[in-house]
Amino acid sequence: GHRGAVFACGEIGAGKTTHSKSLAAEKNAVLIWKTSGFRNLYNAAKVKGQLIYAKDSDETCVAQLAKRRVEKSERARFDNASVFEEVSSYLQGPDGQEGFDIEIIIRG
């Protein structure tokens, strides 16, 4: 059968978790979350990979973070506009050099 892996990346609050959970349910797949060294796991398994890149407007992402702070108060120190700006300044979208099939998800 087909062996494959799907990885998600993108801005904070862009919908990576929501899309990943939905995709895992749709494909009856196992969702491995926040594992370190996923690239090594991918390389060791020698599977075909897909990269989901979640993107949205800065305003929408910051609004999603505000909602998340209410739902999960323990994340309040991290899920805020200043951390979003800092992390986003380092985030680079995929450029095709990663070796994955790339799907870009834009909410809203």
C-alpha atoms as a PDB file:
ATOM      1  CA  GLY A   1       0.000   0.000   0.000  1.00  0.00           C
ATOM      2  CA  HIS A   2       0.928   3.647  -0.136  1.00  0.00           C
ATOM      3  CA  ARG A   3       3.242   4.839   2.610  1.00  0.00           C
ATOM      4  CA  GLY A   4       3.419   8.523   3.232  1.00  0.00           C
ATOM      5  CA  ALA A   5       3.768  11.266   5.760  1.00  0.00           C
ATOM      6  CA  VAL A   6       2.169  14.683   6.009  1.00  0.00           C
ATOM      7  CA  PHE A   7       3.874  17.515   7.852  1.00  0.00           C
ATOM      8  CA  ALA A   8       2.272  20.830   8.789  1.00  0.00           C
ATOM      9  CA  CYS A   9       3.967  24.170   9.265  1.00  0.00           C
ATOM     10  CA  GLY A  10       2.909  27.786   9.171  1.00  0.00           C
ATOM     11  CA  GLU A  11       2.185  30.858  11.193  1.00  0.00           C
ATOM     12  CA  ILE A  12       0.994  30.691  14.776  1.00  0.00           C
ATOM     13  CA  GLY A  13      -2.813  30.691  14.678  1.00  0.00           C
ATOM     14  CA  ALA A  14      -3.015  29.901  10.948  1.00  0.00           C
ATOM     15  CA  GLY A  15      -4.907  26.630  11.453  1.00  0.00           C
ATOM     16  CA  LYS A  16      -2.238  23.906  11.467  1.00  0.00           C
ATOM     17  CA  THR A  17      -3.813  21.969  14.336  1.00  0.00           C
ATOM     18  CA  THR A  18      -7.353  22.260  13.021  1.00  0.00           C
ATOM     19  CA  HIS A  19      -6.381  21.144   9.524  1.00  0.00           C
ATOM     20  CA  SER A  20      -4.094  18.350  10.764  1.00  0.00           C
ATOM     21  CA  LYS A  21      -6.783  16.844  12.993  1.00  0.00           C
ATOM     22  CA  SER A  22      -9.328  16.997  10.180  1.00  0.00           C
ATOM     23  CA  LEU A  23      -6.916  15.440   7.679  1.00  0.00           C
ATOM     24  CA  ALA A  24      -5.965  12.633  10.085  1.00  0.00           C
ATOM     25  CA  ALA A  25      -9.639  11.798  10.660  1.00  0.00           C
ATOM     26  CA  GLU A  26     -10.397  11.927   6.925  1.00  0.00           C
ATOM     27  CA  LYS A  27      -7.510   9.610   6.051  1.00  0.00           C
ATOM     28  CA  ASN A  28      -7.868   7.396   9.150  1.00  0.00           C
ATOM     29  CA  ALA A  29      -4.248   8.264   9.920  1.00  0.00           C
ATOM     30  CA  VAL A  30      -2.201   8.563  13.057  1.00  0.00           C
ATOM     31  CA  LEU A  31      -1.480  12.157  14.067  1.00  0.00           C
ATOM     32  CA  ILE A  32       1.986  12.606  15.579  1.00  0.00           C
ATOM     33  CA  TRP A  33       2.118  15.979  17.223  1.00  0.00           C
ATOM     34  CA  LYS A  34       5.088  18.197  18.066  1.00  0.00           C
ATOM     35  CA  THR A  35       7.660  15.485  17.759  1.00  0.00           C
ATOM     36  CA  SER A  36      11.248  16.613  17.663  1.00  0.00           C
ATOM     37  CA  GLY A  37      13.361  15.268  14.870  1.00  0.00           C
ATOM     38  CA  PHE A  38      10.455  14.658  12.497  1.00  0.00           C
ATOM     39  CA  ARG A  39      12.798  15.212   9.550  1.00  0.00           C
ATOM     40  CA  ASN A  40      14.979  12.311  10.756  1.00  0.00           C
ATOM     41  CA  LEU A  41      11.881  10.153  11.152  1.00  0.00           C
ATOM     42  CA  TYR A  42      10.778  11.072   7.624  1.00  0.00           C
ATOM     43  CA  ASN A  43      14.221  10.323   6.163  1.00  0.00           C
ATOM     44  CA  ALA A  44      14.550   7.020   8.032  1.00  0.00           C
ATOM     45  CA  ALA A  45      11.141   5.818   6.849  1.00  0.00           C
ATOM     46  CA  LYS A  46      11.926   6.727   3.216  1.00  0.00           C
ATOM     47  CA  VAL A  47       8.320   7.679   2.592  1.00  0.00           C
ATOM     48  CA  LYS A  48       6.826  10.135   0.176  1.00  0.00           C
ATOM     49  CA  GLY A  49       6.030  13.305   2.077  1.00  0.00           C
ATOM     50  CA  GLN A  50       3.493  16.081   1.806  1.00  0.00           C
ATOM     51  CA  LEU A  51       3.968  19.446   3.468  1.00  0.00           C
ATOM     52  CA  ILE A  52       0.882  21.408   4.459  1.00  0.00           C
ATOM     53  CA  TYR A  53       1.732  25.105   4.817  1.00  0.00           C
ATOM     54  CA  ALA A  54      -0.965  26.990   6.743  1.00  0.00           C
ATOM     55  CA  LYS A  55      -1.161  30.702   5.949  1.00  0.00           C
ATOM     56  CA  ASP A  56      -3.564  33.462   6.905  1.00  0.00           C
ATOM     57  CA  SER A  57      -3.555  37.207   7.411  1.00  0.00           C
ATOM     58  CA  ASP A  58      -1.676  38.496  10.433  1.00  0.00           C
ATOM     59  CA  GLU A  59      -4.910  39.972  11.790  1.00  0.00           C
ATOM     60  CA  THR A  60      -6.730  36.641  11.570  1.00  0.00           C
ATOM     61  CA  CYS A  61      -3.858  34.762  13.218  1.00  0.00           C
ATOM     62  CA  VAL A  62      -3.652  37.260  16.099  1.00  0.00           C
ATOM     63  CA  ALA A  63      -7.447  37.046  16.541  1.00  0.00           C
ATOM     64  CA  GLN A  64      -7.190  33.244  16.661  1.00  0.00           C
ATOM     65  CA  LEU A  65      -4.480  33.544  19.324  1.00  0.00           C
ATOM     66  CA  ALA A  66      -6.750  35.788  21.417  1.00  0.00           C
ATOM     67  CA  LYS A  67      -9.496  33.169  21.186  1.00  0.00           C
ATOM     68  CA  ARG A  68      -7.024  30.430  22.138  1.00  0.00           C
ATOM     69  CA  ARG A  69      -5.874  32.403  25.205  1.00  0.00           C
ATOM     70  CA  VAL A  70      -9.446  32.353  26.486  1.00  0.00           C
ATOM     71  CA  GLU A  71      -9.883  28.633  25.769  1.00  0.00           C
ATOM     72  CA  LYS A  72      -6.447  27.631  27.121  1.00  0.00           C
ATOM     73  CA  SER A  73      -5.306  30.160  29.701  1.00  0.00           C
ATOM     74  CA  GLU A  74      -2.018  28.302  30.224  1.00  0.00           C
ATOM     75  CA  ARG A  75      -0.967  29.461  26.738  1.00  0.00           C
ATOM     76  CA  ALA A  76      -1.487  33.169  27.447  1.00  0.00           C
ATOM     77  CA  ARG A  77       2.238  33.874  27.834  1.00  0.00           C
ATOM     78  CA  PHE A  78       2.959  32.463  24.398  1.00  0.00           C
ATOM     79  CA  ASP A  79      -0.185  33.076  22.341  1.00  0.00           C
ATOM     80  CA  ASN A  80      -0.057  36.839  21.930  1.00  0.00           C
ATOM     81  CA  ALA A  81       0.668  39.447  19.262  1.00  0.00           C
ATOM     82  CA  SER A  82       4.266  40.150  20.312  1.00  0.00           C
ATOM     83  CA  VAL A  83       5.276  36.474  20.179  1.00  0.00           C
ATOM     84  CA  PHE A  84       3.405  36.131  16.875  1.00  0.00           C
ATOM     85  CA  GLU A  85       5.424  39.022  15.407  1.00  0.00           C
ATOM     86  CA  GLU A  86       8.716  37.603  16.699  1.00  0.00           C
ATOM     87  CA  VAL A  87       8.117  34.054  15.447  1.00  0.00           C
ATOM     88  CA  SER A  88       6.703  35.258  12.118  1.00  0.00           C
ATOM     89  CA  SER A  89       9.828  37.302  11.469  1.00  0.00           C
ATOM     90  CA  TYR A  90      11.772  34.013  11.237  1.00  0.00           C
ATOM     91  CA  LEU A  91       9.188  31.956   9.368  1.00  0.00           C
ATOM     92  CA  GLN A  92       9.888  31.280   5.720  1.00  0.00           C
ATOM     93  CA  GLY A  93       7.363  29.588   3.502  1.00  0.00           C
ATOM     94  CA  PRO A  94       8.294  26.458   1.596  1.00  0.00           C
ATOM     95  CA  ASP A  95      10.192  26.946  -1.640  1.00  0.00           C
ATOM     96  CA  GLY A  96      10.074  23.463  -3.165  1.00  0.00           C
ATOM     97  CA  GLN A  97      13.630  22.598  -2.118  1.00  0.00           C
ATOM     98  CA  GLU A  98      12.334  20.563   0.838  1.00  0.00           C
ATOM     99  CA  GLY A  99      11.534  17.510  -1.262  1.00  0.00           C
ATOM    100  CA  PHE A 100       7.861  17.442  -0.281  1.00  0.00           C
ATOM    101  CA  ASP A 101       4.676  17.746  -2.282  1.00  0.00           C
ATOM    102  CA  ILE A 102       3.471  21.143  -1.015  1.00  0.00           C
ATOM    103  CA  GLU A 103      -0.125  22.137  -0.332  1.00  0.00           C
ATOM    104  CA  ILE A 104      -0.799  25.673   0.840  1.00  0.00           C
ATOM    105  CA  ILE A 105      -3.884  26.161   3.006  1.00  0.00           C
ATOM    106  CA  ILE A 106      -5.176  29.727   3.265  1.00  0.00           C
ATOM    107  CA  ARG A 107      -8.088  30.220   5.638  1.00  0.00           C
ATOM    108  CA  GLY A 108     -10.583  33.021   5.328  1.00  0.00           C
END
